[in-house]
């Protein structure tokens, strides 16, 4: 997970706006969020999609994009090829993914 976003997300969570949201790095360019309520999820989604480097927000296999976009910037094939090129390995977090309201958010490279 990019250090910049890790710090921003942790700050957002600790500031009291989203104190119960948990986050896990599931891949080098994806974060899994676990929320306990719809209001937390909505607030988090709004913040995430306002970030410049976010490609899309995925929830229950549905994709949401930043304002003004209707498709990802990078195809899945390109994303997978780049991850292999960089030597990124998927982390095993299957147990955490089984919790409620999970979301993954691919980020573009800077």
N, C-alpha and C. Protein backbone atom coordinates (compact mmCIF):
# COMPACT_ATOMS: atom_id res chain seq x y z
N UNK A 1 0.85 -1.17 0.00
CA UNK A 1 0.00 0.00 0.00
C UNK A 1 0.90 1.23 0.00
N UNK A 2 0.55 2.22 -0.77
CA UNK A 2 1.37 3.42 -0.82
C UNK A 2 1.37 4.10 0.54
N UNK A 3 2.56 4.48 1.00
CA UNK A 3 2.73 5.09 2.31
C UNK A 3 1.87 6.34 2.46
N UNK A 4 1.79 7.14 1.39
CA UNK A 4 1.00 8.37 1.42
C UNK A 4 -0.44 8.08 1.80
N UNK A 5 -1.02 7.06 1.16
CA UNK A 5 -2.43 6.74 1.43
C UNK A 5 -2.61 6.05 2.75
N UNK A 6 -1.64 5.24 3.14
CA UNK A 6 -1.74 4.58 4.42
C UNK A 6 -1.84 5.63 5.53
N UNK A 7 -1.02 6.64 5.48
CA UNK A 7 -1.04 7.70 6.48
C UNK A 7 -2.33 8.50 6.43
N UNK A 8 -2.79 8.86 5.23
CA UNK A 8 -4.03 9.62 5.09
C UNK A 8 -5.23 8.83 5.58
N UNK A 9 -5.28 7.57 5.23
CA UNK A 9 -6.41 6.73 5.64
C UNK A 9 -6.40 6.53 7.14
N UNK A 10 -5.24 6.24 7.70
CA UNK A 10 -5.16 6.06 9.14
C UNK A 10 -5.54 7.34 9.87
N UNK A 11 -5.14 8.48 9.35
CA UNK A 11 -5.50 9.76 9.94
C UNK A 11 -7.01 9.96 9.90
N UNK A 12 -7.62 9.65 8.77
CA UNK A 12 -9.07 9.76 8.63
C UNK A 12 -9.78 8.85 9.63
N UNK A 13 -9.29 7.63 9.76
CA UNK A 13 -9.91 6.68 10.67
C UNK A 13 -9.75 7.12 12.13
N UNK A 14 -8.55 7.61 12.46
CA UNK A 14 -8.28 8.00 13.84
C UNK A 14 -8.89 9.33 14.23
N UNK A 15 -9.23 10.16 13.25
CA UNK A 15 -9.77 11.49 13.56
C UNK A 15 -11.17 11.41 14.17
N UNK A 16 -11.75 10.24 14.12
CA UNK A 16 -13.09 10.10 14.68
C UNK A 16 -14.16 10.02 13.62
N UNK A 17 -13.82 10.36 12.38
CA UNK A 17 -14.82 10.29 11.33
C UNK A 17 -15.21 8.85 11.03
N UNK A 18 -14.25 7.95 11.06
CA UNK A 18 -14.50 6.54 10.75
C UNK A 18 -13.69 5.65 11.70
N UNK A 19 -13.96 5.74 13.00
CA UNK A 19 -13.10 5.05 13.96
C UNK A 19 -13.16 3.53 13.93
N UNK A 20 -14.23 2.94 13.43
CA UNK A 20 -14.36 1.49 13.48
C UNK A 20 -14.01 0.79 12.17
N UNK A 21 -13.67 1.55 11.14
CA UNK A 21 -13.30 0.96 9.86
C UNK A 21 -11.92 0.32 9.98
N UNK A 22 -11.81 -0.89 9.48
CA UNK A 22 -10.52 -1.58 9.48
C UNK A 22 -10.02 -1.65 8.04
N UNK A 23 -8.70 -1.62 7.85
CA UNK A 23 -8.15 -1.72 6.51
C UNK A 23 -7.03 -2.74 6.47
N UNK A 24 -6.95 -3.39 5.31
CA UNK A 24 -5.95 -4.43 5.09
C UNK A 24 -5.40 -4.28 3.67
N UNK A 25 -4.10 -4.39 3.53
CA UNK A 25 -3.49 -4.38 2.20
C UNK A 25 -3.64 -5.79 1.64
N UNK A 26 -4.46 -5.95 0.61
CA UNK A 26 -4.66 -7.28 0.03
C UNK A 26 -3.77 -7.51 -1.18
N UNK A 27 -3.32 -6.44 -1.77
CA UNK A 27 -2.35 -6.47 -2.85
C UNK A 27 -1.58 -5.16 -2.75
N UNK A 28 -0.51 -5.04 -3.52
CA UNK A 28 0.29 -3.82 -3.47
C UNK A 28 -0.51 -2.59 -3.88
N UNK A 29 -1.52 -2.78 -4.71
CA UNK A 29 -2.29 -1.64 -5.19
C UNK A 29 -3.76 -1.72 -4.82
N UNK A 30 -4.10 -2.55 -3.82
CA UNK A 30 -5.49 -2.68 -3.39
C UNK A 30 -5.58 -2.71 -1.88
N UNK A 31 -6.63 -2.08 -1.38
CA UNK A 31 -6.89 -2.04 0.04
C UNK A 31 -8.27 -2.62 0.28
N UNK A 32 -8.40 -3.47 1.28
CA UNK A 32 -9.67 -4.01 1.68
C UNK A 32 -10.13 -3.24 2.91
N UNK A 33 -11.33 -2.68 2.85
CA UNK A 33 -11.91 -1.99 3.99
C UNK A 33 -13.03 -2.84 4.56
N UNK A 34 -13.10 -2.88 5.89
CA UNK A 34 -14.19 -3.58 6.57
C UNK A 34 -14.92 -2.54 7.39
N UNK A 35 -16.20 -2.32 7.04
CA UNK A 35 -17.02 -1.32 7.71
C UNK A 35 -18.15 -1.99 8.48
N UNK A 36 -18.64 -1.31 9.50
CA UNK A 36 -19.71 -1.85 10.32
C UNK A 36 -21.06 -1.24 10.02
N UNK A 37 -21.09 -0.19 9.22
CA UNK A 37 -22.37 0.45 8.93
C UNK A 37 -22.36 1.05 7.53
N UNK A 38 -23.56 1.28 7.01
CA UNK A 38 -23.70 1.89 5.70
C UNK A 38 -23.19 3.33 5.71
N UNK A 39 -23.39 4.04 6.82
CA UNK A 39 -22.91 5.43 6.88
C UNK A 39 -21.39 5.50 6.82
N UNK A 40 -20.70 4.57 7.50
CA UNK A 40 -19.24 4.51 7.41
C UNK A 40 -18.81 4.23 5.98
N UNK A 41 -19.47 3.27 5.37
CA UNK A 41 -19.14 2.88 3.99
C UNK A 41 -19.34 4.05 3.04
N UNK A 42 -20.43 4.77 3.17
CA UNK A 42 -20.71 5.92 2.28
C UNK A 42 -19.68 7.02 2.45
N UNK A 43 -19.35 7.33 3.69
CA UNK A 43 -18.36 8.38 3.97
C UNK A 43 -16.99 8.00 3.42
N UNK A 44 -16.61 6.74 3.61
CA UNK A 44 -15.32 6.25 3.12
C UNK A 44 -15.28 6.28 1.60
N UNK A 45 -16.33 5.81 0.95
CA UNK A 45 -16.40 5.80 -0.51
C UNK A 45 -16.25 7.21 -1.07
N UNK A 46 -16.94 8.17 -0.48
CA UNK A 46 -16.86 9.56 -0.94
C UNK A 46 -15.43 10.08 -0.85
N UNK A 47 -14.77 9.80 0.27
CA UNK A 47 -13.40 10.27 0.46
C UNK A 47 -12.46 9.60 -0.54
N UNK A 48 -12.57 8.28 -0.67
CA UNK A 48 -11.68 7.53 -1.55
C UNK A 48 -11.79 8.02 -2.99
N UNK A 49 -13.02 8.17 -3.48
CA UNK A 49 -13.21 8.59 -4.87
C UNK A 49 -12.78 10.04 -5.12
N UNK A 50 -12.54 10.79 -4.07
CA UNK A 50 -12.06 12.17 -4.24
C UNK A 50 -10.54 12.23 -4.39
N UNK A 51 -9.84 11.10 -4.20
CA UNK A 51 -8.39 11.06 -4.30
C UNK A 51 -7.96 10.90 -5.76
N UNK A 52 -6.97 11.67 -6.18
CA UNK A 52 -6.52 11.70 -7.58
C UNK A 52 -6.06 10.35 -8.12
N UNK A 53 -5.34 9.57 -7.33
CA UNK A 53 -4.74 8.33 -7.83
C UNK A 53 -5.68 7.13 -7.82
N UNK A 54 -6.90 7.31 -7.39
CA UNK A 54 -7.85 6.19 -7.32
C UNK A 54 -8.41 5.89 -8.70
N UNK A 55 -8.31 4.65 -9.10
CA UNK A 55 -8.84 4.22 -10.39
C UNK A 55 -10.33 3.94 -10.26
N UNK A 56 -10.71 3.14 -9.27
CA UNK A 56 -12.12 2.87 -9.04
C UNK A 56 -12.34 2.29 -7.65
N UNK A 57 -13.58 2.25 -7.24
CA UNK A 57 -14.05 1.66 -5.98
C UNK A 57 -14.90 0.48 -6.38
N UNK A 58 -14.64 -0.67 -5.79
CA UNK A 58 -15.42 -1.86 -6.10
C UNK A 58 -16.12 -2.35 -4.85
N UNK A 59 -17.42 -2.59 -4.98
CA UNK A 59 -18.21 -3.14 -3.88
C UNK A 59 -19.15 -4.18 -4.47
N UNK A 60 -19.05 -5.40 -3.95
CA UNK A 60 -19.91 -6.50 -4.39
C UNK A 60 -19.92 -6.64 -5.91
N UNK A 61 -18.73 -6.59 -6.50
CA UNK A 61 -18.49 -6.74 -7.93
C UNK A 61 -19.12 -5.64 -8.78
N UNK A 62 -19.45 -4.50 -8.18
CA UNK A 62 -19.92 -3.33 -8.92
C UNK A 62 -18.84 -2.26 -8.78
N UNK A 63 -18.59 -1.55 -9.89
CA UNK A 63 -17.51 -0.57 -9.92
C UNK A 63 -18.06 0.85 -9.90
N UNK A 64 -17.39 1.71 -9.13
CA UNK A 64 -17.73 3.13 -9.03
C UNK A 64 -16.47 3.91 -9.37
N UNK A 65 -16.62 5.02 -10.05
CA UNK A 65 -15.47 5.79 -10.54
C UNK A 65 -15.51 7.21 -10.00
N UNK A 66 -14.35 7.86 -9.98
CA UNK A 66 -14.32 9.26 -9.58
C UNK A 66 -15.21 10.11 -10.50
N UNK A 67 -15.64 11.25 -10.02
CA UNK A 67 -16.50 12.13 -10.83
C UNK A 67 -15.89 12.38 -12.22
N UNK A 68 -16.74 12.29 -13.24
CA UNK A 68 -16.31 12.55 -14.60
C UNK A 68 -15.77 11.34 -15.34
N UNK A 69 -15.69 10.18 -14.66
CA UNK A 69 -15.19 8.97 -15.31
C UNK A 69 -16.23 7.87 -15.25
N UNK A 70 -16.20 7.00 -16.27
CA UNK A 70 -17.15 5.90 -16.33
C UNK A 70 -16.47 4.57 -16.64
N UNK A 71 -15.16 4.55 -16.56
CA UNK A 71 -14.39 3.34 -16.84
C UNK A 71 -13.05 3.43 -16.13
N UNK A 72 -12.41 2.29 -15.89
CA UNK A 72 -11.08 2.32 -15.26
C UNK A 72 -10.04 2.92 -16.19
N UNK A 73 -9.00 3.48 -15.62
CA UNK A 73 -7.90 4.03 -16.40
C UNK A 73 -7.01 2.93 -16.95
N UNK A 74 -6.96 1.80 -16.24
CA UNK A 74 -6.08 0.70 -16.59
C UNK A 74 -6.92 -0.58 -16.64
N UNK A 75 -6.77 -1.36 -17.72
CA UNK A 75 -7.53 -2.61 -17.84
C UNK A 75 -6.99 -3.65 -16.85
N UNK A 76 -7.79 -4.66 -16.57
CA UNK A 76 -7.35 -5.74 -15.67
C UNK A 76 -6.11 -6.42 -16.21
N UNK A 77 -6.07 -6.65 -17.53
CA UNK A 77 -4.91 -7.30 -18.14
C UNK A 77 -3.65 -6.46 -17.94
N UNK A 78 -3.76 -5.15 -18.16
CA UNK A 78 -2.61 -4.26 -17.97
C UNK A 78 -2.20 -4.22 -16.51
N UNK A 79 -3.18 -4.19 -15.62
CA UNK A 79 -2.91 -4.15 -14.17
C UNK A 79 -2.18 -5.42 -13.73
N UNK A 80 -2.64 -6.58 -14.20
CA UNK A 80 -2.01 -7.85 -13.84
C UNK A 80 -0.60 -7.94 -14.41
N UNK A 81 -0.42 -7.53 -15.66
CA UNK A 81 0.90 -7.56 -16.28
C UNK A 81 1.88 -6.66 -15.52
N UNK A 82 1.42 -5.48 -15.13
CA UNK A 82 2.28 -4.55 -14.39
C UNK A 82 2.63 -5.11 -13.01
N UNK A 83 1.66 -5.73 -12.35
CA UNK A 83 1.91 -6.32 -11.03
C UNK A 83 2.95 -7.43 -11.14
N UNK A 84 2.85 -8.25 -12.17
CA UNK A 84 3.84 -9.32 -12.38
C UNK A 84 5.21 -8.74 -12.66
N UNK A 85 5.23 -7.69 -13.48
CA UNK A 85 6.49 -7.03 -13.82
C UNK A 85 7.17 -6.48 -12.57
N UNK A 86 6.38 -5.96 -11.64
CA UNK A 86 6.92 -5.39 -10.41
C UNK A 86 7.18 -6.45 -9.34
N UNK A 87 6.72 -7.67 -9.59
CA UNK A 87 6.94 -8.75 -8.63
C UNK A 87 6.03 -8.69 -7.42
N UNK A 88 4.86 -8.12 -7.58
CA UNK A 88 3.91 -8.00 -6.47
C UNK A 88 3.23 -9.34 -6.25
N UNK A 89 3.10 -9.72 -4.99
CA UNK A 89 2.43 -10.96 -4.62
C UNK A 89 1.18 -10.64 -3.82
N UNK A 90 0.13 -11.40 -4.06
CA UNK A 90 -1.13 -11.25 -3.32
C UNK A 90 -0.95 -11.76 -1.89
N UNK A 91 -1.46 -11.01 -0.93
CA UNK A 91 -1.40 -11.42 0.46
C UNK A 91 -2.61 -12.29 0.78
N UNK A 92 -2.45 -13.26 1.64
CA UNK A 92 -3.54 -14.17 1.98
C UNK A 92 -4.35 -13.59 3.13
N UNK A 93 -5.50 -12.99 2.80
CA UNK A 93 -6.37 -12.40 3.82
C UNK A 93 -7.81 -12.92 3.66
N UNK A 94 -7.96 -14.17 3.31
CA UNK A 94 -9.30 -14.71 3.07
C UNK A 94 -10.20 -14.60 4.29
N UNK A 95 -9.67 -14.83 5.47
CA UNK A 95 -10.49 -14.75 6.68
C UNK A 95 -11.01 -13.34 6.89
N UNK A 96 -10.18 -12.34 6.67
CA UNK A 96 -10.60 -10.95 6.84
C UNK A 96 -11.63 -10.56 5.79
N UNK A 97 -11.51 -11.10 4.59
CA UNK A 97 -12.42 -10.76 3.50
C UNK A 97 -13.82 -11.28 3.75
N UNK A 98 -13.97 -12.24 4.64
CA UNK A 98 -15.29 -12.80 4.93
C UNK A 98 -16.12 -11.90 5.84
N UNK A 99 -15.53 -10.85 6.39
CA UNK A 99 -16.26 -9.93 7.26
C UNK A 99 -17.22 -9.08 6.43
N UNK A 100 -18.08 -8.34 7.09
CA UNK A 100 -19.14 -7.59 6.41
C UNK A 100 -18.62 -6.38 5.66
N UNK A 101 -19.35 -6.02 4.60
CA UNK A 101 -19.14 -4.82 3.82
C UNK A 101 -17.68 -4.63 3.41
N UNK A 102 -17.16 -5.51 2.59
CA UNK A 102 -15.78 -5.40 2.14
C UNK A 102 -15.72 -4.66 0.80
N UNK A 103 -14.67 -3.90 0.63
CA UNK A 103 -14.49 -3.08 -0.57
C UNK A 103 -13.03 -3.11 -0.94
N UNK A 104 -12.72 -3.24 -2.22
CA UNK A 104 -11.34 -3.11 -2.65
C UNK A 104 -11.24 -1.92 -3.60
N UNK A 105 -10.12 -1.22 -3.53
CA UNK A 105 -9.96 0.01 -4.28
C UNK A 105 -8.63 0.01 -4.99
N UNK A 106 -8.60 -0.31 -6.27
CA UNK A 106 -7.35 -0.24 -7.02
C UNK A 106 -6.87 1.20 -7.18
N UNK A 107 -5.57 1.40 -7.07
CA UNK A 107 -4.98 2.71 -7.23
C UNK A 107 -4.06 2.69 -8.44
N UNK A 108 -3.96 3.80 -9.11
CA UNK A 108 -3.05 3.92 -10.24
C UNK A 108 -1.66 4.24 -9.70
N UNK A 109 -0.65 4.00 -10.49
CA UNK A 109 0.70 4.33 -10.06
C UNK A 109 0.92 5.84 -10.21
N UNK A 110 1.80 6.36 -9.37
CA UNK A 110 2.13 7.79 -9.46
C UNK A 110 3.17 8.01 -10.51
